[in-house]
All heavy atoms as atom14 arrays in JSON, in Angstrom:
{
  "sequence": "SKQPHIFAELDNLMTKLEDAFQQQDWEQVESLL",
  "atom14_mask": [
    [1, 1, 1, 1, 1, 1, 0, 0, 0, 0, 0, 0, 0, 0],
    [1, 1, 1, 1, 1, 1, 1, 1, 1, 0, 0, 0, 0, 0],
    [1, 1, 1, 1, 1, 1, 1, 1, 1, 0, 0, 0, 0, 0],
    [1, 1, 1, 1, 1, 1, 1, 0, 0, 0, 0, 0, 0, 0],
    [1, 1, 1, 1, 1, 1, 1, 1, 1, 1, 0, 0, 0, 0],
    [1, 1, 1, 1, 1, 1, 1, 1, 0, 0, 0, 0, 0, 0],
    [1, 1, 1, 1, 1, 1, 1, 1, 1, 1, 1, 0, 0, 0],
    [1, 1, 1, 1, 1, 0, 0, 0, 0, 0, 0, 0, 0, 0],
    [1, 1, 1, 1, 1, 1, 1, 1, 1, 0, 0, 0, 0, 0],
    [1, 1, 1, 1, 1, 1, 1, 1, 0, 0, 0, 0, 0, 0],
    [1, 1, 1, 1, 1, 1, 1, 1, 0, 0, 0, 0, 0, 0],
    [1, 1, 1, 1, 1, 1, 1, 1, 0, 0, 0, 0, 0, 0],
    [1, 1, 1, 1, 1, 1, 1, 1, 0, 0, 0, 0, 0, 0],
    [1, 1, 1, 1, 1, 1, 1, 1, 0, 0, 0, 0, 0, 0],
    [1, 1, 1, 1, 1, 1, 1, 0, 0, 0, 0, 0, 0, 0],
    [1, 1, 1, 1, 1, 1, 1, 1, 1, 0, 0, 0, 0, 0],
    [1, 1, 1, 1, 1, 1, 1, 1, 0, 0, 0, 0, 0, 0],
    [1, 1, 1, 1, 1, 1, 1, 1, 1, 0, 0, 0, 0, 0],
    [1, 1, 1, 1, 1, 1, 1, 1, 0, 0, 0, 0, 0, 0],
    [1, 1, 1, 1, 1, 0, 0, 0, 0, 0, 0, 0, 0, 0],
    [1, 1, 1, 1, 1, 1, 1, 1, 1, 1, 1, 0, 0, 0],
    [1, 1, 1, 1, 1, 1, 1, 1, 1, 0, 0, 0, 0, 0],
    [1, 1, 1, 1, 1, 1, 1, 1, 1, 0, 0, 0, 0, 0],
    [1, 1, 1, 1, 1, 1, 1, 1, 1, 0, 0, 0, 0, 0],
    [1, 1, 1, 1, 1, 1, 1, 1, 0, 0, 0, 0, 0, 0],
    [1, 1, 1, 1, 1, 1, 1, 1, 1, 1, 1, 1, 1, 1],
    [1, 1, 1, 1, 1, 1, 1, 1, 1, 0, 0, 0, 0, 0],
    [1, 1, 1, 1, 1, 1, 1, 1, 1, 0, 0, 0, 0, 0],
    [1, 1, 1, 1, 1, 1, 1, 0, 0, 0, 0, 0, 0, 0],
    [1, 1, 1, 1, 1, 1, 1, 1, 1, 0, 0, 0, 0, 0],
    [1, 1, 1, 1, 1, 1, 0, 0, 0, 0, 0, 0, 0, 0],
    [1, 1, 1, 1, 1, 1, 1, 1, 0, 0, 0, 0, 0, 0],
    [1, 1, 1, 1, 1, 1, 1, 1, 0, 0, 0, 0, 0, 0]
  ],
  "atom14_positions": [
    [[-41.82, 233.4, -208.53], [-42.52, 232.96, -209.73], [-43.07, 231.55, -209.56], [-43.97, 231.14, -210.28], [-41.58, 233.01, -210.95], [-40.52, 232.09, -210.77], [0.0, 0.0, 0.0], [0.0, 0.0, 0.0], [0.0, 0.0, 0.0], [0.0, 0.0, 0.0], [0.0, 0.0, 0.0], [0.0, 0.0, 0.0], [0.0, 0.0, 0.0], [0.0, 0.0, 0.0]],
    [[-42.54, 230.79, -208.59], [-43.02, 229.43, -208.34], [-44.18, 229.41, -207.35], [-44.83, 228.38, -207.21], [-41.87, 228.58, -207.78], [-40.75, 228.35, -208.76], [-39.7, 227.47, -208.14], [-38.56, 227.22, -209.11], [-37.52, 226.38, -208.52], [0.0, 0.0, 0.0], [0.0, 0.0, 0.0], [0.0, 0.0, 0.0], [0.0, 0.0, 0.0], [0.0, 0.0, 0.0]],
    [[-44.45, 230.51, -206.66], [-45.45, 230.51, -205.61], [-46.84, 230.06, -206.08], [-47.42, 229.18, -205.46], [-45.55, 231.89, -204.94], [-44.33, 232.3, -204.14], [-43.98, 231.33, -203.03], [-44.81, 230.58, -202.53], [-42.74, 231.34, -202.63], [0.0, 0.0, 0.0], [0.0, 0.0, 0.0], [0.0, 0.0, 0.0], [0.0, 0.0, 0.0], [0.0, 0.0, 0.0]],
    [[-47.39, 230.64, -207.16], [-48.73, 230.19, -207.57], [-48.77, 228.69, -207.86], [-49.74, 228.01, -207.52], [-49.02, 231.01, -208.83], [-48.18, 232.24, -208.67], [-46.93, 231.76, -207.97], [0.0, 0.0, 0.0], [0.0, 0.0, 0.0], [0.0, 0.0, 0.0], [0.0, 0.0, 0.0], [0.0, 0.0, 0.0], [0.0, 0.0, 0.0], [0.0, 0.0, 0.0]],
    [[-47.71, 228.18, -208.47], [-47.64, 226.75, -208.76], [-47.62, 225.94, -207.46], [-48.3, 224.91, -207.35], [-46.4, 226.43, -209.6], [-46.14, 224.97, -209.75], [-46.93, 224.16, -210.53], [-45.2, 224.16, -209.19], [-46.48, 222.92, -210.46], [-45.43, 222.89, -209.65], [0.0, 0.0, 0.0], [0.0, 0.0, 0.0], [0.0, 0.0, 0.0], [0.0, 0.0, 0.0]],
    [[-46.87, 226.38, -206.48], [-46.77, 225.66, -205.21], [-48.1, 225.72, -204.46], [-48.52, 224.73, -203.86], [-45.6, 226.2, -204.37], [-44.28, 225.84, -205.06], [-45.63, 225.63, -202.96], [-43.04, 226.44, -204.43], [0.0, 0.0, 0.0], [0.0, 0.0, 0.0], [0.0, 0.0, 0.0], [0.0, 0.0, 0.0], [0.0, 0.0, 0.0], [0.0, 0.0, 0.0]],
    [[-48.78, 226.86, -204.49], [-50.09, 226.96, -203.84], [-51.08, 225.99, -204.5], [-51.86, 225.34, -203.83], [-50.64, 228.38, -203.89], [-49.89, 229.34, -203.0], [-49.61, 230.63, -203.42], [-49.46, 228.97, -201.73], [-48.95, 231.52, -202.61], [-48.79, 229.85, -200.91], [-48.53, 231.13, -201.34], [0.0, 0.0, 0.0], [0.0, 0.0, 0.0], [0.0, 0.0, 0.0]],
    [[-51.02, 225.89, -205.83], [-51.89, 224.96, -206.55], [-51.53, 223.52, -206.18], [-52.41, 222.67, -206.02], [-51.78, 225.18, -208.05], [0.0, 0.0, 0.0], [0.0, 0.0, 0.0], [0.0, 0.0, 0.0], [0.0, 0.0, 0.0], [0.0, 0.0, 0.0], [0.0, 0.0, 0.0], [0.0, 0.0, 0.0], [0.0, 0.0, 0.0], [0.0, 0.0, 0.0]],
    [[-50.24, 223.25, -206.04], [-49.8, 221.9, -205.66], [-50.27, 221.55, -204.24], [-50.73, 220.44, -203.98], [-48.28, 221.8, -205.74], [-47.76, 220.4, -205.56], [-46.25, 220.29, -205.78], [-45.66, 221.18, -206.41], [-45.68, 219.3, -205.29], [0.0, 0.0, 0.0], [0.0, 0.0, 0.0], [0.0, 0.0, 0.0], [0.0, 0.0, 0.0], [0.0, 0.0, 0.0]],
    [[-50.19, 222.52, -203.33], [-50.7, 222.3, -201.97], [-52.19, 222.02, -201.99], [-52.68, 221.12, -201.31], [-50.41, 223.52, -201.09], [-49.07, 223.56, -200.38], [-48.79, 224.94, -199.81], [-49.01, 222.51, -199.29], [0.0, 0.0, 0.0], [0.0, 0.0, 0.0], [0.0, 0.0, 0.0], [0.0, 0.0, 0.0], [0.0, 0.0, 0.0], [0.0, 0.0, 0.0]],
    [[-52.92, 222.78, -202.76], [-54.37, 222.59, -202.87], [-54.68, 221.21, -203.44], [-55.57, 220.51, -202.95], [-54.97, 223.69, -203.74], [-56.48, 223.77, -203.6], [-56.95, 223.85, -202.45], [-57.17, 223.74, -204.63], [0.0, 0.0, 0.0], [0.0, 0.0, 0.0], [0.0, 0.0, 0.0], [0.0, 0.0, 0.0], [0.0, 0.0, 0.0], [0.0, 0.0, 0.0]],
    [[-53.92, 220.79, -204.44], [-54.09, 219.46, -205.03], [-53.79, 218.36, -204.01], [-54.52, 217.37, -203.92], [-53.19, 219.32, -206.26], [-53.42, 218.03, -207.0], [-54.55, 217.6, -207.19], [-52.34, 217.4, -207.41], [0.0, 0.0, 0.0], [0.0, 0.0, 0.0], [0.0, 0.0, 0.0], [0.0, 0.0, 0.0], [0.0, 0.0, 0.0], [0.0, 0.0, 0.0]],
    [[-52.74, 218.53, -203.23], [-52.41, 217.56, -202.2], [-53.53, 217.45, -201.17], [-53.86, 216.35, -200.71], [-51.11, 217.95, -201.49], [-49.81, 217.58, -202.18], [-48.62, 218.23, -201.48], [-49.63, 216.08, -202.23], [0.0, 0.0, 0.0], [0.0, 0.0, 0.0], [0.0, 0.0, 0.0], [0.0, 0.0, 0.0], [0.0, 0.0, 0.0], [0.0, 0.0, 0.0]],
    [[-54.12, 218.57, -200.81], [-55.21, 218.56, -199.83], [-56.44, 217.83, -200.38], [-57.11, 217.11, -199.64], [-55.54, 219.98, -199.38], [-54.46, 220.54, -198.45], [-54.89, 222.11, -197.7], [-54.49, 223.21, -199.02], [0.0, 0.0, 0.0], [0.0, 0.0, 0.0], [0.0, 0.0, 0.0], [0.0, 0.0, 0.0], [0.0, 0.0, 0.0], [0.0, 0.0, 0.0]],
    [[-56.71, 217.98, -201.66], [-57.82, 217.26, -202.28], [-57.55, 215.76, -202.27], [-58.43, 214.96, -201.92], [-58.04, 217.76, -203.72], [-58.36, 219.16, -203.68], [-59.18, 217.01, -204.4], [0.0, 0.0, 0.0], [0.0, 0.0, 0.0], [0.0, 0.0, 0.0], [0.0, 0.0, 0.0], [0.0, 0.0, 0.0], [0.0, 0.0, 0.0], [0.0, 0.0, 0.0]],
    [[-56.33, 215.38, -202.64], [-55.96, 213.96, -202.61], [-56.03, 213.4, -201.19], [-56.45, 212.27, -200.98], [-54.55, 213.77, -203.16], [-54.45, 213.95, -204.65], [-53.02, 213.76, -205.12], [-52.88, 213.97, -206.6], [-51.48, 213.81, -207.06], [0.0, 0.0, 0.0], [0.0, 0.0, 0.0], [0.0, 0.0, 0.0], [0.0, 0.0, 0.0], [0.0, 0.0, 0.0]],
    [[-55.64, 214.22, -200.23], [-55.67, 213.81, -198.83], [-57.1, 213.55, -198.37], [-57.39, 212.54, -197.71], [-55.02, 214.89, -197.95], [-54.94, 214.66, -196.46], [-54.24, 213.35, -196.13], [-54.23, 215.83, -195.8], [0.0, 0.0, 0.0], [0.0, 0.0, 0.0], [0.0, 0.0, 0.0], [0.0, 0.0, 0.0], [0.0, 0.0, 0.0], [0.0, 0.0, 0.0]],
    [[-58.02, 214.43, -198.73], [-59.43, 214.23, -198.39], [-59.96, 212.93, -199.0], [-60.66, 212.16, -198.33], [-60.26, 215.41, -198.89], [-60.06, 216.68, -198.1], [-60.76, 217.88, -198.72], [-61.63, 217.7, -199.59], [-60.42, 219.0, -198.32], [0.0, 0.0, 0.0], [0.0, 0.0, 0.0], [0.0, 0.0, 0.0], [0.0, 0.0, 0.0], [0.0, 0.0, 0.0]],
    [[-59.6, 212.68, -200.26], [-60.05, 211.45, -200.93], [-59.49, 210.21, -200.23], [-60.22, 209.25, -199.99], [-59.64, 211.46, -202.4], [-60.37, 212.5, -203.22], [-61.43, 213.0, -202.76], [-59.89, 212.83, -204.33], [0.0, 0.0, 0.0], [0.0, 0.0, 0.0], [0.0, 0.0, 0.0], [0.0, 0.0, 0.0], [0.0, 0.0, 0.0], [0.0, 0.0, 0.0]],
    [[-58.21, 210.24, -199.92], [-57.58, 209.09, -199.26], [-58.19, 208.86, -197.88], [-58.41, 207.71, -197.47], [-56.07, 209.32, -199.13], [0.0, 0.0, 0.0], [0.0, 0.0, 0.0], [0.0, 0.0, 0.0], [0.0, 0.0, 0.0], [0.0, 0.0, 0.0], [0.0, 0.0, 0.0], [0.0, 0.0, 0.0], [0.0, 0.0, 0.0], [0.0, 0.0, 0.0]],
    [[-58.51, 209.93, -197.18], [-59.12, 209.79, -195.86], [-60.51, 209.17, -195.99], [-60.86, 208.27, -195.24], [-59.21, 211.15, -195.15], [-59.51, 211.03, -193.69], [-58.5, 210.91, -192.77], [-60.82, 211.0, -193.24], [-58.77, 210.78, -191.41], [-61.11, 210.86, -191.9], [-60.08, 210.76, -190.97], [0.0, 0.0, 0.0], [0.0, 0.0, 0.0], [0.0, 0.0, 0.0]],
    [[-61.29, 209.62, -196.95], [-62.63, 209.07, -197.15], [-62.57, 207.59, -197.53], [-63.45, 206.81, -197.16], [-63.39, 209.86, -198.22], [-63.74, 211.27, -197.8], [-64.56, 211.34, -196.54], [-65.46, 210.53, -196.32], [-64.25, 212.29, -195.67], [0.0, 0.0, 0.0], [0.0, 0.0, 0.0], [0.0, 0.0, 0.0], [0.0, 0.0, 0.0], [0.0, 0.0, 0.0]],
    [[-61.53, 207.2, -198.25], [-61.36, 205.81, -198.65], [-60.69, 204.98, -197.55], [-60.5, 203.78, -197.72], [-60.54, 205.72, -199.94], [-61.23, 206.34, -201.12], [-60.33, 206.42, -202.34], [-59.21, 205.91, -202.36], [-60.82, 207.07, -203.38], [0.0, 0.0, 0.0], [0.0, 0.0, 0.0], [0.0, 0.0, 0.0], [0.0, 0.0, 0.0], [0.0, 0.0, 0.0]],
    [[-60.32, 205.64, -196.47], [-59.64, 205.01, -195.34], [-58.35, 204.31, -195.77], [-58.01, 203.24, -195.28], [-60.58, 204.07, -194.6], [-61.77, 204.79, -194.01], [-62.71, 203.89, -193.22], [-62.4, 202.76, -192.93], [-63.86, 204.44, -192.87], [0.0, 0.0, 0.0], [0.0, 0.0, 0.0], [0.0, 0.0, 0.0], [0.0, 0.0, 0.0], [0.0, 0.0, 0.0]],
    [[-57.64, 204.94, -196.67], [-56.34, 204.46, -197.12], [-55.28, 205.13, -196.24], [-54.72, 206.16, -196.59], [-56.13, 204.8, -198.6], [-54.83, 204.27, -199.16], [-53.97, 203.8, -198.38], [-54.68, 204.32, -200.4], [0.0, 0.0, 0.0], [0.0, 0.0, 0.0], [0.0, 0.0, 0.0], [0.0, 0.0, 0.0], [0.0, 0.0, 0.0], [0.0, 0.0, 0.0]],
    [[-55.05, 204.54, -195.06], [-54.26, 205.21, -194.02], [-52.81, 205.41, -194.41], [-52.2, 206.42, -194.03], [-54.4, 204.45, -192.71], [-55.83, 204.28, -192.32], [-56.46, 203.1, -192.04], [-56.85, 205.29, -192.22], [-57.8, 203.32, -191.77], [-58.06, 204.66, -191.87], [-56.87, 206.67, -192.4], [-59.26, 205.35, -191.69], [-58.06, 207.36, -192.23], [-59.23, 206.72, -191.86]],
    [[-52.23, 204.51, -195.18], [-50.84, 204.7, -195.63], [-50.76, 205.9, -196.55], [-49.82, 206.71, -196.46], [-50.32, 203.44, -196.33], [-50.07, 202.3, -195.37], [-49.55, 201.06, -196.08], [-49.08, 201.15, -197.23], [-49.62, 199.98, -195.46], [0.0, 0.0, 0.0], [0.0, 0.0, 0.0], [0.0, 0.0, 0.0], [0.0, 0.0, 0.0], [0.0, 0.0, 0.0]],
    [[-51.73, 206.03, -197.43], [-51.77, 207.17, -198.35], [-52.01, 208.47, -197.58], [-51.41, 209.49, -197.88], [-52.84, 206.95, -199.43], [-52.88, 208.02, -200.48], [-51.7, 207.96, -201.44], [-50.84, 207.11, -201.36], [-51.66, 208.91, -202.33], [0.0, 0.0, 0.0], [0.0, 0.0, 0.0], [0.0, 0.0, 0.0], [0.0, 0.0, 0.0], [0.0, 0.0, 0.0]],
    [[-52.9, 208.41, -196.59], [-53.17, 209.6, -195.76], [-51.88, 210.06, -195.09], [-51.55, 211.25, -195.12], [-54.27, 209.31, -194.7], [-54.33, 210.42, -193.66], [-55.62, 209.13, -195.37], [0.0, 0.0, 0.0], [0.0, 0.0, 0.0], [0.0, 0.0, 0.0], [0.0, 0.0, 0.0], [0.0, 0.0, 0.0], [0.0, 0.0, 0.0], [0.0, 0.0, 0.0]],
    [[-51.16, 209.14, -194.5], [-49.92, 209.49, -193.81], [-48.9, 210.09, -194.77], [-48.28, 211.11, -194.49], [-49.33, 208.25, -193.13], [-48.1, 208.56, -192.31], [-47.57, 207.35, -191.57], [-48.23, 206.3, -191.55], [-46.48, 207.48, -191.01], [0.0, 0.0, 0.0], [0.0, 0.0, 0.0], [0.0, 0.0, 0.0], [0.0, 0.0, 0.0], [0.0, 0.0, 0.0]],
    [[-48.78, 209.47, -195.94], [-47.84, 209.97, -196.94], [-48.22, 211.38, -197.42], [-47.37, 212.26, -197.53], [-47.81, 208.99, -198.12], [-47.04, 209.52, -199.17], [0.0, 0.0, 0.0], [0.0, 0.0, 0.0], [0.0, 0.0, 0.0], [0.0, 0.0, 0.0], [0.0, 0.0, 0.0], [0.0, 0.0, 0.0], [0.0, 0.0, 0.0], [0.0, 0.0, 0.0]],
    [[-49.5, 211.56, -197.71], [-49.97, 212.88, -198.2], [-49.86, 213.95, -197.12], [-49.52, 215.1, -197.42], [-51.39, 212.77, -198.72], [-51.54, 212.0, -200.04], [-53.0, 211.67, -200.31], [-50.93, 212.79, -201.19], [0.0, 0.0, 0.0], [0.0, 0.0, 0.0], [0.0, 0.0, 0.0], [0.0, 0.0, 0.0], [0.0, 0.0, 0.0], [0.0, 0.0, 0.0]],
    [[-50.14, 213.6, -195.88], [-49.98, 214.56, -194.79], [-48.53, 215.01, -194.66], [-48.25, 216.2, -194.51], [-50.44, 213.95, -193.46], [-51.86, 214.19, -193.03], [-52.18, 213.39, -191.78], [-52.15, 215.65, -192.83], [0.0, 0.0, 0.0], [0.0, 0.0, 0.0], [0.0, 0.0, 0.0], [0.0, 0.0, 0.0], [0.0, 0.0, 0.0], [0.0, 0.0, 0.0]]
  ]
}
């Protein structure tokens, strides 16, 4: 029952990761990865 929520959370993390990478916020990139 948690799977759809976790998939959405993974997708959200990937979006945040892309943003952090574009902003060259390397500490945030490492944390999000």
